[in-house]
Amino acid sequence: MDESSGRSTPATGEHAITPRTKRGVFYGWWIVGAGVLTQYAYSIVFNANYGVYVYAMGAEMGWSRTALSAVQSVGRIPEALVGVSLGPTIDRYGTRWIVAVGALAMGGSLIALSTIQNLWELYLYRGIIMSAGGMALGGFVTVTISNWFFAKRGRALGIVSAGASLGNATLPLLTAFLIELAGWRVSWVVQGILILVLAIPAVILFRRRPEDIGLRPDGVDPTAAERPATERESRVAREMAEKDIIWTRGDALRTSAFWFTAIAYGTSAMAQTATNLHLFPYFQDLGFPVMLAAAAVSFRGVLAVLMAPVWGIAVDRLPLRTVQIMPFALQGLSMMLYFLFPTPAGALAGVVLYGLGAGGGGVLRETIWAHFFGRISLGAVRTAAYPIESLMSAAGPLAMGATFDLFGSYTFGWIGLFITFVVAIALVQFARTPRPPVRRDASSA
């Protein structure tokens, strides 16, 4: 990378690989495919999957929902620390070996969870080691994808996001089945092995940027005389290329766009993490059998899988400011349904709305960061927001667990989560594209 200009330059050595397959498929799409598998593996750490364990582990070990929820909250601290510390490294070297280390840490901690006898062991393996490993495994994949695409960034991120949504769609059912069949300890072991297998393609295929192997974002050179892309795609590529400048973390922190975006998505994350963890226990409280409750949670994930590419196309074709509020609005309405209609019918209607919106939140979030701050320093800038988002999201599961233990139901929790989505909608409307940082010419100093 040319540090003086902030532009990427081709690399040699281990990165000098054939840029296209024999069929001419842009290499970025192979990275997207590996990213889908990585995001699926990463989703094992998500609250939707962990929530299935809450009933079984609580019943056998005698732990309260507040104690079990706090594990997820504690996990936000190592996530934030890993995110902040590795951001600049990702910009310089990429993510492939970080993914490998993360997979080993996350897979090993899952296997260790099968042996726990005390609550502190759950906090150590699940709350600390697994969370740190999960961030290294899947927390930076979207930075890699954003580096490989300009005009098609939205749909690429939409496809990768579908991997996490697919995890939310299938893992609750898989976990419930394994727990019913062999117990929650065996289920942890199976999922630990699954992570190690799914991470292999990413370690093999991931590369930092297309320029490292002689390519351009989207596989298109916007300055070429003959353009294989549409005129619109070439125009967008040129516009995005103009944003490929160096942002230091200090530069970003001095912009209002950084703070409004980070706090908006941190606010929504509070509601999302609380919902994802407690939705399965909520269904069981309503009288759903274990497998039916898991199926309901998984159905929400299925909708998110189907909608993620749709949201990606919408990001590429519609005004970002308009599209950005839509997932929050749908998810907020689902919270209101849970509050107004605490019945099986109301819960299922809420699942539908939540699933439709859930497929778009991650796509919009990562698109906005890349749109505001470009590719060159995206790792450093994006990860600077991780402590804000992680620590805010830590409050959601814990607050919902405490609400249940205090009032004996989630009723008041749902109205609180509705308010958080409304606040998120308001905050994103204040974010504006920041002005590029002004560099003082060294020769004039």
Protein backbone atom coordinates (compact mmCIF):
# COMPACT_ATOMS: atom_id res chain seq x y z
CA MET A 1 0.00 0.00 0.00
CA ASP A 2 1.28 3.45 -0.90
CA GLU A 3 1.09 5.17 2.49
CA SER A 4 1.70 8.61 1.00
CA SER A 5 -1.37 8.52 -1.18
CA GLY A 6 -3.52 6.04 0.69
CA ARG A 7 -3.99 3.96 -2.48
CA SER A 8 -3.57 0.21 -2.59
CA THR A 9 -0.72 -1.20 -4.64
CA PRO A 10 -0.33 -4.75 -5.95
CA ALA A 11 1.44 -7.17 -3.65
CA THR A 12 3.71 -10.06 -4.47
CA GLY A 13 4.71 -13.28 -2.74
CA GLU A 14 1.94 -15.39 -1.22
CA HIS A 15 -0.72 -12.99 -2.52
CA ALA A 16 0.38 -13.28 -6.16
CA ILE A 17 -2.25 -15.83 -7.21
CA THR A 18 -4.27 -16.25 -10.34
CA PRO A 19 -6.90 -13.48 -10.11
CA ARG A 20 -9.66 -15.29 -11.96
CA THR A 21 -10.85 -18.84 -12.25
CA LYS A 22 -10.90 -20.62 -15.59
CA ARG A 23 -14.47 -19.49 -16.10
CA GLY A 24 -13.61 -15.86 -15.46
CA VAL A 25 -15.50 -15.54 -12.16
CA PHE A 26 -14.39 -12.44 -10.28
CA TYR A 27 -12.30 -13.63 -7.34
CA GLY A 28 -14.26 -11.40 -4.98
CA TRP A 29 -17.28 -13.69 -5.33
CA TRP A 30 -15.22 -16.64 -4.08
CA ILE A 31 -14.35 -14.56 -1.06
CA VAL A 32 -18.05 -13.84 -0.62
CA GLY A 33 -18.74 -17.58 -0.66
CA ALA A 34 -16.10 -18.24 1.98
CA GLY A 35 -17.49 -15.30 3.94
CA VAL A 36 -20.95 -16.90 3.99
CA LEU A 37 -19.50 -20.02 5.64
CA THR A 38 -17.52 -17.93 8.11
CA GLN A 39 -20.57 -15.90 9.06
CA TYR A 40 -22.56 -19.09 9.55
CA ALA A 41 -19.87 -20.35 11.92
CA TYR A 42 -19.76 -16.99 13.68
CA SER A 43 -23.52 -17.13 14.28
CA ILE A 44 -22.98 -19.97 16.76
CA VAL A 45 -21.93 -17.27 19.23
CA PHE A 46 -25.14 -15.29 18.61
CA ASN A 47 -27.92 -14.98 21.14
CA ALA A 48 -30.45 -16.85 18.98
CA ASN A 49 -28.40 -20.03 19.32
CA TYR A 50 -27.35 -19.48 22.93
CA GLY A 51 -30.95 -18.78 23.93
CA VAL A 52 -31.84 -22.41 23.24
CA TYR A 53 -29.37 -23.46 25.93
CA VAL A 54 -30.89 -21.14 28.55
CA TYR A 55 -33.77 -23.43 29.47
CA ALA A 56 -31.75 -26.65 29.48
CA MET A 57 -28.69 -25.33 31.32
CA GLY A 58 -30.77 -23.34 33.78
CA ALA A 59 -32.90 -26.36 34.62
CA GLU A 60 -29.96 -28.74 35.12
CA MET A 61 -27.50 -26.38 36.82
CA GLY A 62 -29.98 -24.19 38.73
CA TRP A 63 -28.75 -20.91 37.23
CA SER A 64 -31.13 -17.94 36.87
CA ARG A 65 -31.91 -16.21 33.57
CA THR A 66 -30.14 -13.09 34.80
CA ALA A 67 -26.95 -15.09 35.43
CA LEU A 68 -27.22 -16.86 32.08
CA SER A 69 -27.96 -13.59 30.25
CA ALA A 70 -25.04 -11.81 31.90
CA VAL A 71 -22.66 -14.22 30.16
CA GLN A 72 -23.60 -12.64 26.84
CA SER A 73 -23.15 -9.17 28.30
CA VAL A 74 -19.70 -10.01 29.67
CA GLY A 75 -18.77 -11.32 26.24
CA ARG A 76 -19.13 -7.85 24.73
CA ILE A 77 -16.01 -6.67 26.56
CA PRO A 78 -13.48 -9.04 24.90
CA GLU A 79 -15.29 -8.50 21.59
CA ALA A 80 -14.73 -4.76 21.87
CA LEU A 81 -11.09 -5.16 22.91
CA VAL A 82 -10.29 -7.53 20.05
CA GLY A 83 -12.07 -5.28 17.56
CA VAL A 84 -10.21 -2.12 18.57
CA SER A 85 -6.80 -3.77 18.79
CA LEU A 86 -6.94 -5.54 15.41
CA GLY A 87 -8.50 -2.80 13.27
CA PRO A 88 -5.26 -1.25 11.92
CA THR A 89 -3.72 -4.71 11.48
CA ILE A 90 -6.60 -5.71 9.20
CA ASP A 91 -6.06 -2.65 7.00
CA ARG A 92 -2.41 -3.56 6.63
CA TYR A 93 -2.42 -7.36 6.40
CA GLY A 94 -5.99 -8.59 5.90
CA THR A 95 -8.00 -11.11 7.89
CA ARG A 96 -7.17 -14.64 6.78
CA TRP A 97 -4.86 -15.61 9.67
CA ILE A 98 -6.96 -13.70 12.17
CA VAL A 99 -9.88 -15.88 11.06
CA ALA A 100 -7.76 -19.01 11.60
CA VAL A 101 -6.81 -18.05 15.16
CA GLY A 102 -10.40 -17.05 15.91
CA ALA A 103 -11.73 -20.39 14.70
CA LEU A 104 -9.31 -22.30 16.91
CA ALA A 105 -10.18 -20.21 19.97
CA MET A 106 -13.92 -20.34 19.39
CA GLY A 107 -14.02 -24.05 18.51
CA GLY A 108 -11.85 -24.98 21.48
CA SER A 109 -13.96 -22.97 23.92
CA LEU A 110 -17.15 -24.63 22.67
CA ILE A 111 -15.68 -28.07 23.26
CA ALA A 112 -14.54 -26.96 26.72
CA LEU A 113 -18.11 -25.87 27.52
CA SER A 114 -19.14 -29.52 27.48
CA THR A 115 -17.13 -30.07 30.68
CA ILE A 116 -18.32 -27.18 32.86
CA GLN A 117 -19.59 -27.73 36.39
CA ASN A 118 -19.48 -24.18 37.80
CA LEU A 119 -20.90 -20.84 36.68
CA TRP A 120 -17.45 -19.22 36.52
CA GLU A 121 -16.43 -21.77 33.87
CA LEU A 122 -19.36 -20.70 31.71
CA TYR A 123 -18.22 -17.09 32.01
CA LEU A 124 -14.63 -17.99 31.16
CA TYR A 125 -15.27 -20.24 28.16
CA ARG A 126 -18.44 -18.67 26.77
CA GLY A 127 -18.16 -15.12 28.03
CA ILE A 128 -14.46 -14.43 27.40
CA ILE A 129 -12.62 -16.95 25.19
CA MET A 130 -15.49 -17.76 22.84
CA SER A 131 -16.46 -14.09 22.42
CA ALA A 132 -12.90 -13.01 21.63
CA GLY A 133 -12.47 -15.90 19.22
CA GLY A 134 -15.82 -15.20 17.60
CA MET A 135 -14.89 -11.59 16.91
CA ALA A 136 -11.63 -12.70 15.28
CA LEU A 137 -13.46 -15.36 13.27
CA GLY A 138 -16.37 -13.37 11.90
CA GLY A 139 -16.31 -9.81 13.17
CA PHE A 140 -14.10 -8.47 10.37
CA VAL A 141 -15.47 -10.34 7.36
CA THR A 142 -17.58 -7.37 6.27
CA VAL A 143 -14.44 -5.19 6.14
CA THR A 144 -12.90 -7.66 3.71
CA ILE A 145 -16.04 -7.71 1.55
CA SER A 146 -16.27 -3.91 1.49
CA ASN A 147 -12.68 -3.79 0.24
CA TRP A 148 -13.54 -6.00 -2.73
CA PHE A 149 -16.66 -4.22 -4.00
CA PHE A 150 -17.84 -0.72 -4.92
CA ALA A 151 -20.97 -0.73 -7.11
CA LYS A 152 -21.96 -4.25 -6.01
CA ARG A 153 -21.05 -3.79 -2.35
CA GLY A 154 -24.65 -3.89 -1.15
CA ARG A 155 -25.51 -7.19 -2.78
CA ALA A 156 -22.15 -8.72 -1.75
CA LEU A 157 -22.74 -7.73 1.87
CA GLY A 158 -26.32 -8.96 1.55
CA ILE A 159 -25.14 -12.41 0.49
CA VAL A 160 -22.56 -12.60 3.27
CA SER A 161 -25.13 -11.40 5.80
CA ALA A 162 -27.35 -14.27 4.67
CA GLY A 163 -24.75 -16.64 6.13
CA ALA A 164 -25.36 -15.29 9.63
CA SER A 165 -29.10 -15.27 9.03
CA LEU A 166 -28.91 -18.87 7.85
CA GLY A 167 -27.22 -19.69 11.14
CA ASN A 168 -30.06 -18.04 13.04
CA ALA A 169 -32.49 -20.02 10.88
CA THR A 170 -30.98 -23.47 11.34
CA LEU A 171 -28.91 -23.48 14.53
CA PRO A 172 -31.82 -23.13 17.00
CA LEU A 173 -33.43 -26.22 15.47
CA LEU A 174 -30.12 -28.09 15.33
CA THR A 175 -29.31 -27.15 18.92
CA ALA A 176 -32.77 -28.09 20.19
CA PHE A 177 -32.56 -31.42 18.36
CA LEU A 178 -29.10 -32.21 19.76
CA ILE A 179 -30.14 -31.24 23.29
CA GLU A 180 -33.26 -33.41 23.08
CA LEU A 181 -31.24 -36.28 21.58
CA ALA A 182 -27.99 -36.23 23.56
CA GLY A 183 -27.96 -33.28 25.96
CA TRP A 184 -26.54 -29.78 25.88
CA ARG A 185 -22.97 -30.91 26.54
CA VAL A 186 -22.82 -32.99 23.36
CA SER A 187 -24.39 -30.12 21.44
CA TRP A 188 -21.51 -27.81 22.41
CA VAL A 189 -18.96 -30.35 21.13
CA VAL A 190 -20.70 -30.78 17.78
CA GLN A 191 -20.85 -27.04 17.21
CA GLY A 192 -17.19 -26.61 18.16
CA ILE A 193 -16.15 -29.10 15.49
CA LEU A 194 -18.48 -27.43 12.97
CA ILE A 195 -16.73 -24.09 13.43
CA LEU A 196 -13.31 -25.56 12.69
CA VAL A 197 -14.56 -27.10 9.44
CA LEU A 198 -16.43 -24.03 8.19
CA ALA A 199 -13.45 -21.70 8.69
CA ILE A 200 -11.16 -23.64 6.33
CA PRO A 201 -12.30 -22.00 3.02
CA ALA A 202 -11.79 -18.50 4.45
CA VAL A 203 -8.23 -19.29 5.52
CA ILE A 204 -7.50 -20.57 2.02
CA LEU A 205 -9.30 -17.90 -0.05
CA PHE A 206 -9.34 -14.61 1.86
CA ARG A 207 -7.17 -11.79 0.48
CA ARG A 208 -6.96 -8.23 1.74
CA ARG A 209 -7.92 -6.21 -1.36
CA PRO A 210 -8.32 -6.91 -5.10
CA GLU A 211 -5.33 -4.68 -5.88
CA ASP A 212 -3.14 -7.17 -4.03
CA ILE A 213 -3.66 -9.70 -6.81
CA GLY A 214 -3.86 -7.32 -9.76
CA LEU A 215 -7.63 -6.73 -9.79
CA ARG A 216 -10.01 -3.82 -9.23
CA PRO A 217 -13.09 -3.65 -6.99
CA ASP A 218 -16.08 -5.39 -8.63
CA GLY A 219 -13.60 -6.75 -11.20
CA VAL A 220 -13.97 -3.49 -13.13
CA ASP A 221 -11.40 -0.84 -13.99
CA PRO A 222 -13.40 2.43 -14.01
CA THR A 223 -10.70 4.15 -16.10
CA ALA A 224 -10.59 1.50 -18.83
CA ALA A 225 -11.74 2.41 -22.30
CA GLU A 226 -13.80 -0.75 -22.62
CA ARG A 227 -15.96 -1.28 -19.59
CA PRO A 228 -17.57 -4.66 -18.94
CA ALA A 229 -19.80 -2.99 -16.34
CA THR A 230 -22.86 -0.83 -16.83
CA GLU A 231 -22.43 2.93 -16.99
CA ARG A 232 -24.02 3.25 -13.55
CA GLU A 233 -21.65 0.70 -12.00
CA SER A 234 -18.66 2.47 -13.52
CA ARG A 235 -19.89 5.82 -12.21
CA VAL A 236 -20.40 4.44 -8.71
CA ALA A 237 -16.97 2.80 -8.83
CA ARG A 238 -15.35 6.13 -9.74
CA GLU A 239 -17.24 7.91 -6.95
CA MET A 240 -16.26 5.31 -4.38
CA ALA A 241 -12.64 5.34 -5.56
CA GLU A 242 -12.51 9.04 -4.76
CA LYS A 243 -13.23 8.14 -1.11
CA ASP A 244 -10.21 5.85 -0.94
CA ILE A 245 -8.18 8.14 1.29
CA ILE A 246 -6.52 7.61 4.64
CA TRP A 247 -8.65 8.31 7.71
CA THR A 248 -6.94 8.08 11.07
CA ARG A 249 -9.08 7.11 14.03
CA GLY A 250 -8.64 10.65 15.31
CA ASP A 251 -9.99 12.03 12.02
CA ALA A 252 -13.04 9.79 12.23
CA LEU A 253 -13.71 10.50 15.89
CA ARG A 254 -13.87 14.21 15.10
CA THR A 255 -16.81 13.71 12.71
CA SER A 256 -20.44 13.72 13.78
CA ALA A 257 -21.12 10.92 11.26
CA PHE A 258 -18.99 8.54 13.32
CA TRP A 259 -20.84 9.21 16.56
CA PHE A 260 -24.36 9.26 15.18
CA THR A 261 -23.76 6.02 13.26
CA ALA A 262 -22.03 4.21 16.13
CA ILE A 263 -24.62 5.19 18.71
CA ALA A 264 -27.55 4.48 16.38
CA TYR A 265 -26.41 0.93 15.67
CA GLY A 266 -25.34 0.43 19.28
CA THR A 267 -28.85 1.41 20.35
CA SER A 268 -30.47 -1.00 17.91
CA ALA A 269 -28.03 -3.71 18.97
CA MET A 270 -29.34 -3.47 22.54
CA ALA A 271 -32.78 -4.44 21.28
CA GLN A 272 -31.54 -7.06 18.84
CA THR A 273 -29.30 -8.92 21.29
CA ALA A 274 -32.02 -8.89 23.95
CA THR A 275 -34.60 -10.23 21.50
CA ASN A 276 -32.33 -12.88 20.03
CA LEU A 277 -31.42 -14.29 23.44
CA HIS A 278 -34.85 -14.23 25.07
CA LEU A 279 -37.15 -15.04 22.14
CA PHE A 280 -36.81 -18.81 22.60
CA PRO A 281 -37.53 -18.70 26.38
CA TYR A 282 -40.41 -16.30 25.64
CA PHE A 283 -42.01 -18.83 23.32
CA GLN A 284 -41.61 -21.55 25.90
CA ASP A 285 -43.23 -19.30 28.49
CA LEU A 286 -46.20 -19.01 26.11
CA GLY A 287 -46.53 -22.80 26.13
CA PHE A 288 -44.66 -23.70 22.92
CA PRO A 289 -43.03 -27.17 23.00
CA VAL A 290 -39.23 -27.12 22.66
CA MET A 291 -39.07 -28.03 18.97
CA LEU A 292 -41.97 -25.74 18.02
CA ALA A 293 -40.31 -22.83 19.85
CA ALA A 294 -37.07 -23.58 18.02
CA ALA A 295 -38.96 -23.75 14.72
CA ALA A 296 -40.51 -20.33 15.36
CA VAL A 297 -37.12 -18.78 16.10
CA SER A 298 -35.65 -20.50 13.05
CA PHE A 299 -38.48 -19.23 10.84
CA ARG A 300 -37.42 -15.72 11.74
CA GLY A 301 -33.94 -16.64 10.53
CA VAL A 302 -35.31 -18.09 7.29
CA LEU A 303 -37.02 -14.78 6.53
CA ALA A 304 -33.76 -12.94 7.26
CA VAL A 305 -31.90 -15.27 4.86
CA LEU A 306 -34.40 -14.60 2.08
CA MET A 307 -34.43 -10.86 2.70
CA ALA A 308 -30.68 -10.24 3.06
CA PRO A 309 -29.96 -10.26 -0.72
CA VAL A 310 -33.10 -8.17 -1.28
CA TRP A 311 -31.83 -5.58 1.18
CA GLY A 312 -28.46 -5.69 -0.58
CA ILE A 313 -30.05 -4.86 -3.93
CA ALA A 314 -32.10 -2.11 -2.29
CA VAL A 315 -28.89 -0.61 -0.87
CA ASP A 316 -27.34 -0.53 -4.34
CA ARG A 317 -30.36 1.02 -6.02
CA LEU A 318 -32.25 3.20 -3.52
CA PRO A 319 -31.25 6.23 -1.40
CA LEU A 320 -29.31 4.99 1.63
CA ARG A 321 -31.04 7.37 4.02
CA THR A 322 -34.45 5.97 3.09
CA VAL A 323 -33.46 2.31 3.15
CA GLN A 324 -31.53 2.67 6.41
CA ILE A 325 -34.57 3.25 8.62
CA MET A 326 -36.71 0.44 7.21
CA PRO A 327 -35.16 -2.52 9.13
CA PHE A 328 -35.45 -0.56 12.39
CA ALA A 329 -39.10 0.24 11.67
CA LEU A 330 -40.00 -3.41 11.00
CA GLN A 331 -38.18 -4.67 14.07
CA GLY A 332 -39.70 -1.93 16.23
CA LEU A 333 -43.18 -2.94 15.13
CA SER A 334 -42.44 -6.54 16.08
CA MET A 335 -41.57 -5.42 19.63
CA MET A 336 -44.90 -3.64 19.85
CA LEU A 337 -46.71 -6.82 18.80
CA TYR A 338 -44.96 -8.80 21.54
CA PHE A 339 -46.07 -6.13 24.04
CA LEU A 340 -49.68 -5.73 22.87
CA PHE A 341 -50.41 -9.37 22.02
CA PRO A 342 -48.54 -11.79 24.36
CA THR A 343 -50.17 -14.78 22.68
CA PRO A 344 -48.88 -17.43 20.27
CA ALA A 345 -50.55 -15.62 17.34
CA GLY A 346 -49.09 -12.25 18.34
CA ALA A 347 -45.66 -13.79 18.87
CA LEU A 348 -45.65 -15.41 15.43
CA ALA A 349 -46.76 -12.16 13.76
CA GLY A 350 -43.90 -10.42 15.53
CA VAL A 351 -41.48 -13.07 14.29
CA VAL A 352 -42.47 -12.33 10.69
CA LEU A 353 -41.86 -8.58 11.01
CA TYR A 354 -38.63 -9.10 12.92
CA GLY A 355 -37.33 -11.57 10.34
CA LEU A 356 -38.10 -9.21 7.44
CA GLY A 357 -36.13 -6.43 9.11
CA ALA A 358 -33.31 -8.56 10.53
CA GLY A 359 -31.95 -9.36 7.07
CA GLY A 360 -31.22 -5.68 6.42
CA GLY A 361 -29.68 -4.34 9.62
CA GLY A 362 -26.19 -5.74 9.10
CA VAL A 363 -26.16 -4.94 5.39
CA LEU A 364 -27.07 -1.31 6.00
CA ARG A 365 -24.66 -0.89 8.90
CA GLU A 366 -21.59 -2.08 7.03
CA THR A 367 -22.57 -0.27 3.83
CA ILE A 368 -22.90 3.02 5.69
CA TRP A 369 -19.46 2.75 7.30
CA ALA A 370 -17.81 2.04 3.95
CA HIS A 371 -19.86 4.77 2.26
CA PHE A 372 -18.78 7.37 4.82
CA PHE A 373 -15.10 6.46 5.25
CA GLY A 374 -14.01 4.46 2.17
CA ARG A 375 -11.89 1.30 2.07
CA ILE A 376 -8.31 2.23 2.87
CA SER A 377 -8.78 2.82 6.60
CA LEU A 378 -12.06 0.97 7.02
CA GLY A 379 -10.64 -1.58 9.46
CA ALA A 380 -9.30 1.10 11.80
CA VAL A 381 -12.36 3.34 11.58
CA ARG A 382 -14.99 0.61 11.69
CA THR A 383 -13.44 -1.15 14.67
CA ALA A 384 -13.16 2.14 16.58
CA ALA A 385 -16.94 1.90 16.90
CA TYR A 386 -16.89 -1.66 18.25
CA PRO A 387 -16.55 -0.65 21.92
CA ILE A 388 -19.57 1.62 21.60
CA GLU A 389 -21.72 -0.96 19.84
CA SER A 390 -20.51 -3.87 21.97
CA LEU A 391 -20.94 -2.21 25.34
CA MET A 392 -24.36 -0.81 24.44
CA SER A 393 -25.52 -4.18 23.15
CA ALA A 394 -24.30 -5.82 26.36
CA ALA A 395 -27.06 -4.07 28.27
CA GLY A 396 -29.89 -5.62 26.25
CA PRO A 397 -29.77 -9.31 27.25
CA LEU A 398 -28.98 -8.49 30.87
CA ALA A 399 -31.83 -5.99 31.15
CA MET A 400 -34.32 -8.43 29.62
CA GLY A 401 -33.20 -11.22 31.95
CA ALA A 402 -33.51 -8.94 34.96
CA THR A 403 -36.95 -7.78 33.78
CA PHE A 404 -38.16 -11.38 33.65
CA ASP A 405 -36.71 -12.27 37.05
CA LEU A 406 -38.21 -9.12 38.60
CA PHE A 407 -41.70 -9.12 37.04
CA GLY A 408 -42.12 -12.76 36.04
CA SER A 409 -42.62 -11.89 32.35
CA TYR A 410 -41.07 -9.99 29.44
CA THR A 411 -43.99 -7.56 29.03
CA PHE A 412 -42.21 -4.39 30.14
CA GLY A 413 -39.07 -5.43 28.34
CA TRP A 414 -40.75 -5.42 24.94
CA ILE A 415 -41.98 -1.84 25.22
CA GLY A 416 -38.48 -0.77 26.22
CA LEU A 417 -37.02 -2.44 23.13
CA PHE A 418 -39.60 -0.73 20.93
CA ILE A 419 -38.36 2.62 22.22
CA THR A 420 -34.74 1.75 21.42
CA PHE A 421 -35.60 1.12 17.76
CA VAL A 422 -37.41 4.46 17.59
CA VAL A 423 -34.30 6.17 18.98
CA ALA A 424 -32.12 4.39 16.41
CA ILE A 425 -34.33 5.67 13.58
CA ALA A 426 -33.95 9.22 14.86
CA LEU A 427 -30.17 8.98 15.23
CA VAL A 428 -29.38 7.74 11.72
CA GLN A 429 -31.21 10.71 10.25
CA PHE A 430 -28.60 13.04 11.76
CA ALA A 431 -25.61 11.29 10.17
CA ARG A 432 -24.22 13.03 7.08
CA THR A 433 -21.31 12.10 4.82
CA PRO A 434 -18.20 13.54 6.50
CA ARG A 435 -15.79 15.87 4.76
CA PRO A 436 -12.42 14.25 3.95
CA PRO A 437 -9.64 15.08 6.41
CA VAL A 438 -7.37 17.96 5.36
CA ARG A 439 -3.70 16.94 5.10
CA ARG A 440 -1.04 19.58 5.49
CA ASP A 441 1.51 19.41 2.70
CA ALA A 442 4.82 18.50 4.30
CA SER A 443 6.72 20.56 1.71
CA SER A 444 4.98 23.75 2.85
CA ALA A 445 5.70 23.17 6.55
